[in-house]
């Protein structure tokens, strides 16, 4: 096999991600992170893309049937919900873990990186 097994994204239909001039469009940084998380997990073999698409279709259909008047449409909220459904269904991770991780991703500032090693005092001195 050559290259990465990129997720087969729909170009149109209910599961197609928002695009502008053929390029994916993300309104918020968390949306691109949610997208990347799903594609990475698929590439790692966590689930079949058809399972994810079916979950996404179900999420969108449920929203269309039961959303509150005036509730804003957000494609990537459904994307994240579908990802939770797929991962929870096969026991890969629990849905609340996905929600927690997604919340962490959404809260991270741009250019975030982990720099708190010194705070934890990993270089413990010898006992006297």
C-alpha atoms as a PDB file:
ATOM      1  CA  UNK A   1       0.000   0.000   0.000  1.00  0.00           C
ATOM      2  CA  UNK A   2       1.291   3.425  -0.807  1.00  0.00           C
ATOM      3  CA  UNK A   3       0.573   6.442   1.370  1.00  0.00           C
ATOM      4  CA  UNK A   4      -1.998   6.893   4.110  1.00  0.00           C
ATOM      5  CA  UNK A   5      -5.443   5.317   3.860  1.00  0.00           C
ATOM      6  CA  UNK A   6      -7.215   8.658   3.789  1.00  0.00           C
ATOM      7  CA  UNK A   7     -10.807   8.611   4.936  1.00  0.00           C
ATOM      8  CA  UNK A   8     -13.156   8.638   1.925  1.00  0.00           C
ATOM      9  CA  UNK A   9     -14.961  11.937   2.554  1.00  0.00           C
ATOM     10  CA  UNK A  10     -18.314  12.512   0.910  1.00  0.00           C
ATOM     11  CA  UNK A  11     -18.306  15.336  -1.645  1.00  0.00           C
ATOM     12  CA  UNK A  12     -22.047  15.898  -1.397  1.00  0.00           C
ATOM     13  CA  UNK A  13     -25.035  14.619   0.555  1.00  0.00           C
ATOM     14  CA  UNK A  14     -25.757  14.962   4.271  1.00  0.00           C
ATOM     15  CA  UNK A  15     -22.343  13.751   5.451  1.00  0.00           C
ATOM     16  CA  UNK A  16     -20.256  16.024   3.197  1.00  0.00           C
ATOM     17  CA  UNK A  17     -18.104  18.444   5.218  1.00  0.00           C
ATOM     18  CA  UNK A  18     -18.462  22.185   4.525  1.00  0.00           C
ATOM     19  CA  UNK A  19     -16.272  23.273   1.634  1.00  0.00           C
ATOM     20  CA  UNK A  20     -15.389  26.457  -0.164  1.00  0.00           C
ATOM     21  CA  UNK A  21     -13.872  26.153  -3.654  1.00  0.00           C
ATOM     22  CA  UNK A  22     -13.234  22.468  -2.954  1.00  0.00           C
ATOM     23  CA  UNK A  23     -11.279  23.147   0.253  1.00  0.00           C
ATOM     24  CA  UNK A  24     -12.529  22.051   3.673  1.00  0.00           C
ATOM     25  CA  UNK A  25     -13.790  24.945   5.766  1.00  0.00           C
ATOM     26  CA  UNK A  26     -13.537  25.112   9.563  1.00  0.00           C
ATOM     27  CA  UNK A  27     -15.278  27.934  11.433  1.00  0.00           C
ATOM     28  CA  UNK A  28     -13.406  27.259  14.696  1.00  0.00           C
ATOM     29  CA  UNK A  29     -10.050  25.617  15.558  1.00  0.00           C
ATOM     30  CA  UNK A  30     -11.835  22.813  17.486  1.00  0.00           C
ATOM     31  CA  UNK A  31     -13.637  21.804  14.283  1.00  0.00           C
ATOM     32  CA  UNK A  32     -10.392  21.071  12.462  1.00  0.00           C
ATOM     33  CA  UNK A  33      -9.145  19.169  15.528  1.00  0.00           C
ATOM     34  CA  UNK A  34     -12.344  17.083  15.641  1.00  0.00           C
ATOM     35  CA  UNK A  35     -11.944  16.383  11.929  1.00  0.00           C
ATOM     36  CA  UNK A  36      -8.292  15.390  12.376  1.00  0.00           C
ATOM     37  CA  UNK A  37      -9.124  13.179  15.357  1.00  0.00           C
ATOM     38  CA  UNK A  38     -11.683  11.189  13.324  1.00  0.00           C
ATOM     39  CA  UNK A  39      -9.375  10.808  10.321  1.00  0.00           C
ATOM     40  CA  UNK A  40      -6.423   9.769  12.539  1.00  0.00           C
ATOM     41  CA  UNK A  41      -8.501   7.185  14.390  1.00  0.00           C
ATOM     42  CA  UNK A  42      -9.799   5.814  11.097  1.00  0.00           C
ATOM     43  CA  UNK A  43      -6.238   5.632   9.712  1.00  0.00           C
ATOM     44  CA  UNK A  44      -5.203   3.773  12.888  1.00  0.00           C
ATOM     45  CA  UNK A  45      -7.918   1.186  12.234  1.00  0.00           C
ATOM     46  CA  UNK A  46     -10.228   2.209  15.103  1.00  0.00           C
ATOM     47  CA  UNK A  47     -13.339   1.958  12.899  1.00  0.00           C
ATOM     48  CA  UNK A  48     -14.581   1.526   9.340  1.00  0.00           C
ATOM     49  CA  UNK A  49     -15.385   4.772   7.567  1.00  0.00           C
ATOM     50  CA  UNK A  50     -18.791   3.373   6.546  1.00  0.00           C
ATOM     51  CA  UNK A  51     -19.642   2.963  10.266  1.00  0.00           C
ATOM     52  CA  UNK A  52     -18.719   6.568  10.917  1.00  0.00           C
ATOM     53  CA  UNK A  53     -20.736   7.819   7.935  1.00  0.00           C
ATOM     54  CA  UNK A  54     -23.784   5.831   9.095  1.00  0.00           C
ATOM     55  CA  UNK A  55     -23.456   7.336  12.598  1.00  0.00           C
ATOM     56  CA  UNK A  56     -23.095  10.823  11.108  1.00  0.00           C
ATOM     57  CA  UNK A  57     -26.197  10.342   8.933  1.00  0.00           C
ATOM     58  CA  UNK A  58     -28.125   9.171  12.025  1.00  0.00           C
ATOM     59  CA  UNK A  59     -26.966  12.179  14.062  1.00  0.00           C
ATOM     60  CA  UNK A  60     -27.926  14.622  11.299  1.00  0.00           C
ATOM     61  CA  UNK A  61     -31.316  12.953  10.773  1.00  0.00           C
ATOM     62  CA  UNK A  62     -32.047  13.078  14.525  1.00  0.00           C
ATOM     63  CA  UNK A  63     -31.147  16.775  14.608  1.00  0.00           C
ATOM     64  CA  UNK A  64     -33.354  17.529  11.610  1.00  0.00           C
ATOM     65  CA  UNK A  65     -36.286  15.771  13.291  1.00  0.00           C
ATOM     66  CA  UNK A  66     -35.931  17.176  16.768  1.00  0.00           C
ATOM     67  CA  UNK A  67     -33.877  20.401  16.981  1.00  0.00           C
ATOM     68  CA  UNK A  68     -35.244  23.371  18.866  1.00  0.00           C
ATOM     69  CA  UNK A  69     -36.623  26.321  16.913  1.00  0.00           C
ATOM     70  CA  UNK A  70     -33.779  28.699  16.108  1.00  0.00           C
ATOM     71  CA  UNK A  71     -31.047  26.209  17.133  1.00  0.00           C
ATOM     72  CA  UNK A  72     -27.964  26.780  14.995  1.00  0.00           C
ATOM     73  CA  UNK A  73     -26.725  24.038  12.700  1.00  0.00           C
ATOM     74  CA  UNK A  74     -23.155  22.951  13.369  1.00  0.00           C
ATOM     75  CA  UNK A  75     -21.841  20.182  11.140  1.00  0.00           C
ATOM     76  CA  UNK A  76     -18.890  19.409  13.404  1.00  0.00           C
ATOM     77  CA  UNK A  77     -21.046  18.972  16.512  1.00  0.00           C
ATOM     78  CA  UNK A  78     -22.714  16.112  14.643  1.00  0.00           C
ATOM     79  CA  UNK A  79     -19.295  14.918  13.438  1.00  0.00           C
ATOM     80  CA  UNK A  80     -18.055  14.728  17.035  1.00  0.00           C
ATOM     81  CA  UNK A  81     -21.272  13.035  18.181  1.00  0.00           C
ATOM     82  CA  UNK A  82     -20.938  10.432  15.434  1.00  0.00           C
ATOM     83  CA  UNK A  83     -17.320   9.819  16.443  1.00  0.00           C
ATOM     84  CA  UNK A  84     -18.437   9.247  20.051  1.00  0.00           C
ATOM     85  CA  UNK A  85     -21.159   6.854  18.872  1.00  0.00           C
ATOM     86  CA  UNK A  86     -18.789   4.768  16.746  1.00  0.00           C
ATOM     87  CA  UNK A  87     -16.034   4.545  19.353  1.00  0.00           C
ATOM     88  CA  UNK A  88     -18.442   3.805  22.210  1.00  0.00           C
ATOM     89  CA  UNK A  89     -20.312   1.180  20.158  1.00  0.00           C
ATOM     90  CA  UNK A  90     -17.269  -1.053  19.703  1.00  0.00           C
ATOM     91  CA  UNK A  91     -15.831  -0.364  23.149  1.00  0.00           C
ATOM     92  CA  UNK A  92     -12.708   1.422  21.849  1.00  0.00           C
ATOM     93  CA  UNK A  93     -13.252   4.231  24.340  1.00  0.00           C
ATOM     94  CA  UNK A  94     -16.160   5.427  26.411  1.00  0.00           C
ATOM     95  CA  UNK A  95     -18.157   8.311  24.969  1.00  0.00           C
ATOM     96  CA  UNK A  96     -17.402  10.533  27.960  1.00  0.00           C
ATOM     97  CA  UNK A  97     -13.667  10.059  27.329  1.00  0.00           C
ATOM     98  CA  UNK A  98     -14.160  11.265  23.764  1.00  0.00           C
ATOM     99  CA  UNK A  99     -16.241  14.212  24.987  1.00  0.00           C
ATOM    100  CA  UNK A 100     -13.557  15.086  27.557  1.00  0.00           C
ATOM    101  CA  UNK A 101     -10.792  14.834  24.969  1.00  0.00           C
ATOM    102  CA  UNK A 102     -12.794  16.907  22.486  1.00  0.00           C
ATOM    103  CA  UNK A 103     -13.378  19.509  25.199  1.00  0.00           C
ATOM    104  CA  UNK A 104      -9.644  19.631  25.880  1.00  0.00           C
ATOM    105  CA  UNK A 105      -8.934  20.069  22.179  1.00  0.00           C
ATOM    106  CA  UNK A 106     -11.530  22.823  21.895  1.00  0.00           C
ATOM    107  CA  UNK A 107     -10.065  24.644  24.899  1.00  0.00           C
ATOM    108  CA  UNK A 108      -6.449  24.532  23.750  1.00  0.00           C
ATOM    109  CA  UNK A 109      -5.121  27.844  22.474  1.00  0.00           C
ATOM    110  CA  UNK A 110      -3.553  27.923  19.024  1.00  0.00           C
ATOM    111  CA  UNK A 111       0.116  26.932  19.150  1.00  0.00           C
ATOM    112  CA  UNK A 112      -0.401  25.079  22.429  1.00  0.00           C
ATOM    113  CA  UNK A 113       2.296  22.768  23.629  1.00  0.00           C
ATOM    114  CA  UNK A 114       2.964  20.896  26.881  1.00  0.00           C
ATOM    115  CA  UNK A 115       5.495  22.706  29.075  1.00  0.00           C
ATOM    116  CA  UNK A 116       4.826  21.886  32.721  1.00  0.00           C
ATOM    117  CA  UNK A 117       7.556  19.308  33.352  1.00  0.00           C
ATOM    118  CA  UNK A 118       9.338  21.479  35.943  1.00  0.00           C
ATOM    119  CA  UNK A 119       6.192  21.943  38.038  1.00  0.00           C
ATOM    120  CA  UNK A 120       5.942  18.222  38.707  1.00  0.00           C
ATOM    121  CA  UNK A 121       9.463  17.984  40.150  1.00  0.00           C
ATOM    122  CA  UNK A 122      10.615  15.000  38.118  1.00  0.00           C
ATOM    123  CA  UNK A 123      14.223  15.497  39.302  1.00  0.00           C
ATOM    124  CA  UNK A 124      13.707  14.408  42.929  1.00  0.00           C
ATOM    125  CA  UNK A 125      16.798  14.695  45.103  1.00  0.00           C
ATOM    126  CA  UNK A 126      18.193  11.794  47.121  1.00  0.00           C
ATOM    127  CA  UNK A 127      16.720  11.119  50.563  1.00  0.00           C
ATOM    128  CA  UNK A 128      19.013  12.030  53.461  1.00  0.00           C
END
